[in-house]
C-alpha atoms as a PDB file:
ATOM      1  CA  MET A   1       4.321   6.818  -4.974  1.00  0.00           C
ATOM      2  CA  THR A   2       3.330   7.855  -1.445  1.00  0.00           C
ATOM      3  CA  ASP A   3       1.236  10.810  -2.592  1.00  0.00           C
ATOM      4  CA  GLY A   4      -1.970   8.794  -2.243  1.00  0.00           C
ATOM      5  CA  PHE A   5      -1.016   7.655   1.243  1.00  0.00           C
ATOM      6  CA  ASP A   6      -0.035  11.174   2.314  1.00  0.00           C
ATOM      7  CA  THR A   7      -3.396  12.439   1.072  1.00  0.00           C
ATOM      8  CA  LEU A   8      -5.180   9.771   3.118  1.00  0.00           C
ATOM      9  CA  VAL A   9      -3.159  10.669   6.222  1.00  0.00           C
ATOM     10  CA  ALA A  10      -4.042  14.340   5.794  1.00  0.00           C
ATOM     11  CA  GLU A  11      -7.739  13.497   5.422  1.00  0.00           C
ATOM     12  CA  ALA A  12      -7.623  11.213   8.476  1.00  0.00           C
ATOM     13  CA  GLU A  13      -6.019  14.008  10.499  1.00  0.00           C
ATOM     14  CA  THR A  14      -8.773  16.449   9.512  1.00  0.00           C
ATOM     15  CA  LEU A  15     -11.364  13.877  10.625  1.00  0.00           C
ATOM     16  CA  GLY A  16      -9.547  13.431  13.950  1.00  0.00           C
ATOM     17  CA  LEU A  17      -8.925   9.723  13.442  1.00  0.00           C
ATOM     18  CA  PHE A  18      -5.481   9.511  15.039  1.00  0.00           C
ATOM     19  CA  LYS A  19      -5.928   9.236  18.824  1.00  0.00           C
ATOM     20  CA  PRO A  20      -3.197   7.183  20.484  1.00  0.00           C
ATOM     21  CA  HIS A  21      -4.543   5.195  23.430  1.00  0.00           C
ATOM     22  CA  THR A  22      -2.791   3.912  26.499  1.00  0.00           C
ATOM     23  CA  ALA A  23      -2.268   0.182  26.735  1.00  0.00           C
ATOM     24  CA  PHE A  24      -5.101  -0.440  29.183  1.00  0.00           C
ATOM     25  CA  GLU A  25      -7.895   1.345  27.277  1.00  0.00           C
ATOM     26  CA  VAL A  26     -10.475  -0.996  25.781  1.00  0.00           C
ATOM     27  CA  HIS A  27     -13.208   1.468  24.745  1.00  0.00           C
ATOM     28  CA  CYS A  28     -13.180   4.111  22.035  1.00  0.00           C
ATOM     29  CA  ALA A  29     -12.931   7.724  23.190  1.00  0.00           C
ATOM     30  CA  ASN A  30     -15.230   8.779  20.340  1.00  0.00           C
ATOM     31  CA  CYS A  31     -18.124   6.292  20.261  1.00  0.00           C
ATOM     32  CA  HIS A  32     -17.375   4.175  23.370  1.00  0.00           C
ATOM     33  CA  GLY A  33     -17.374   0.994  21.287  1.00  0.00           C
ATOM     34  CA  ARG A  34     -14.958  -1.824  22.036  1.00  0.00           C
ATOM     35  CA  LEU A  35     -11.476  -1.421  20.502  1.00  0.00           C
ATOM     36  CA  ASN A  36     -10.008  -4.254  18.472  1.00  0.00           C
ATOM     37  CA  PRO A  37      -6.669  -5.835  19.515  1.00  0.00           C
ATOM     38  CA  ARG A  38      -4.697  -3.254  17.480  1.00  0.00           C
ATOM     39  CA  GLY A  39      -6.353  -0.391  19.382  1.00  0.00           C
ATOM     40  CA  ASP A  40      -8.545   0.682  16.453  1.00  0.00           C
ATOM     41  CA  CYS A  41     -12.315   1.144  16.628  1.00  0.00           C
ATOM     42  CA  ASP A  42     -14.242  -0.990  14.164  1.00  0.00           C
ATOM     43  CA  THR A  43     -17.379   1.076  14.795  1.00  0.00           C
ATOM     44  CA  CYS A  44     -16.326   4.645  14.013  1.00  0.00           C
ATOM     45  CA  GLY A  45     -12.893   4.211  12.425  1.00  0.00           C
ATOM     46  CA  LEU A  46     -10.798   5.761  15.216  1.00  0.00           C
ATOM     47  CA  ILE A  47      -7.130   4.778  14.921  1.00  0.00           C
ATOM     48  CA  GLY A  48      -5.394   4.054  18.213  1.00  0.00           C
ATOM     49  CA  ARG A  49      -1.964   5.088  16.935  1.00  0.00           C
ATOM     50  CA  SER A  50      -0.311   8.294  15.817  1.00  0.00           C
ATOM     51  CA  ALA A  51       0.115   9.414  12.217  1.00  0.00           C
ATOM     52  CA  ALA A  52       3.846   8.678  12.549  1.00  0.00           C
ATOM     53  CA  ASP A  53       3.061   5.049  13.374  1.00  0.00           C
ATOM     54  CA  ALA A  54       0.782   4.876  10.354  1.00  0.00           C
ATOM     55  CA  ARG A  55       3.657   6.110   8.185  1.00  0.00           C
ATOM     56  CA  LYS A  56       5.937   3.401   9.643  1.00  0.00           C
ATOM     57  CA  ARG A  57       3.303   0.792   8.807  1.00  0.00           C
ATOM     58  CA  ALA A  58       3.155   2.080   5.242  1.00  0.00           C
ATOM     59  CA  GLY A  59       6.890   1.551   4.865  1.00  0.00           C
ATOM     60  CA  GLY A  60       6.387  -2.208   4.815  1.00  0.00           C
ATOM     61  CA  ASP A  61       3.414  -2.509   2.469  1.00  0.00           C
ATOM     62  CA  LEU A  62       2.073   0.728   1.034  1.00  0.00           C
ATOM     63  CA  ALA A  63      -0.946  -0.835  -0.717  1.00  0.00           C
ATOM     64  CA  ALA A  64      -2.128  -2.555   2.473  1.00  0.00           C
ATOM     65  CA  ALA A  65      -1.635   0.630   4.495  1.00  0.00           C
ATOM     66  CA  GLU A  66      -3.648   2.662   1.980  1.00  0.00           C
ATOM     67  CA  LYS A  67      -6.438   0.070   2.097  1.00  0.00           C
ATOM     68  CA  TRP A  68      -6.465   0.088   5.924  1.00  0.00           C
ATOM     69  CA  LEU A  69      -6.454   3.883   6.159  1.00  0.00           C
ATOM     70  CA  GLY A  70      -9.093   4.247   3.440  1.00  0.00           C
ATOM     71  CA  ALA A  71     -11.337   1.797   5.317  1.00  0.00           C
ATOM     72  CA  ALA A  72     -10.940   3.789   8.560  1.00  0.00           C
ATOM     73  CA  ILE A  73     -11.875   7.018   6.762  1.00  0.00           C
ATOM     74  CA  ALA A  74     -14.922   5.357   5.186  1.00  0.00           C
ATOM     75  CA  LYS A  75     -16.049   4.073   8.603  1.00  0.00           C
ATOM     76  CA  ARG A  76     -15.783   7.559  10.096  1.00  0.00           C
ATOM     77  CA  LYS A  77     -17.734   9.144   7.248  1.00  0.00           C
ATOM     78  CA  ALA A  78     -20.466   6.501   7.550  1.00  0.00           C
ATOM     79  CA  TYR A  79     -20.605   6.608  11.369  1.00  0.00           C
ATOM     80  CA  ARG A  80     -23.746   8.101  12.870  1.00  0.00           C
ATOM     81  CA  PRO A  81     -23.946   8.299  16.665  1.00  0.00           C
ATOM     82  CA  SER A  82     -26.907   6.743  18.379  1.00  0.00           C
ATOM     83  CA  GLY A  83     -28.527   7.402  21.704  1.00  0.00           C
ATOM     84  CA  LYS A  84     -28.106  10.613  23.661  1.00  0.00           C
ATOM     85  CA  ALA A  85     -25.308  11.993  21.480  1.00  0.00           C
ATOM     86  CA  ALA A  86     -27.489  11.734  18.369  1.00  0.00           C
ATOM     87  CA  ARG A  87     -30.423  13.481  20.040  1.00  0.00           C
ATOM     88  CA  GLU A  88     -28.207  16.396  21.149  1.00  0.00           C
ATOM     89  CA  GLU A  89     -27.129  17.231  17.580  1.00  0.00           C
END
């Protein structure tokens, strides 16, 4: 039952999505966009919690956790940096 979720967690880890932030950080370490109130980046999909916290969240509602994690992965795959970072690549 959690095989799909575990696969998503593994993919998110390979993409480097799990980056726990401190409580006072308001900007994403990856794209410098503004973090939402949960500490996640709506721009590039960065997750402001650890993989262990994501697993705890899945314990309550696995379908919702899979949807949330799948959306974060999709954001990261679709994210294209702009500005100086894009020109350096």
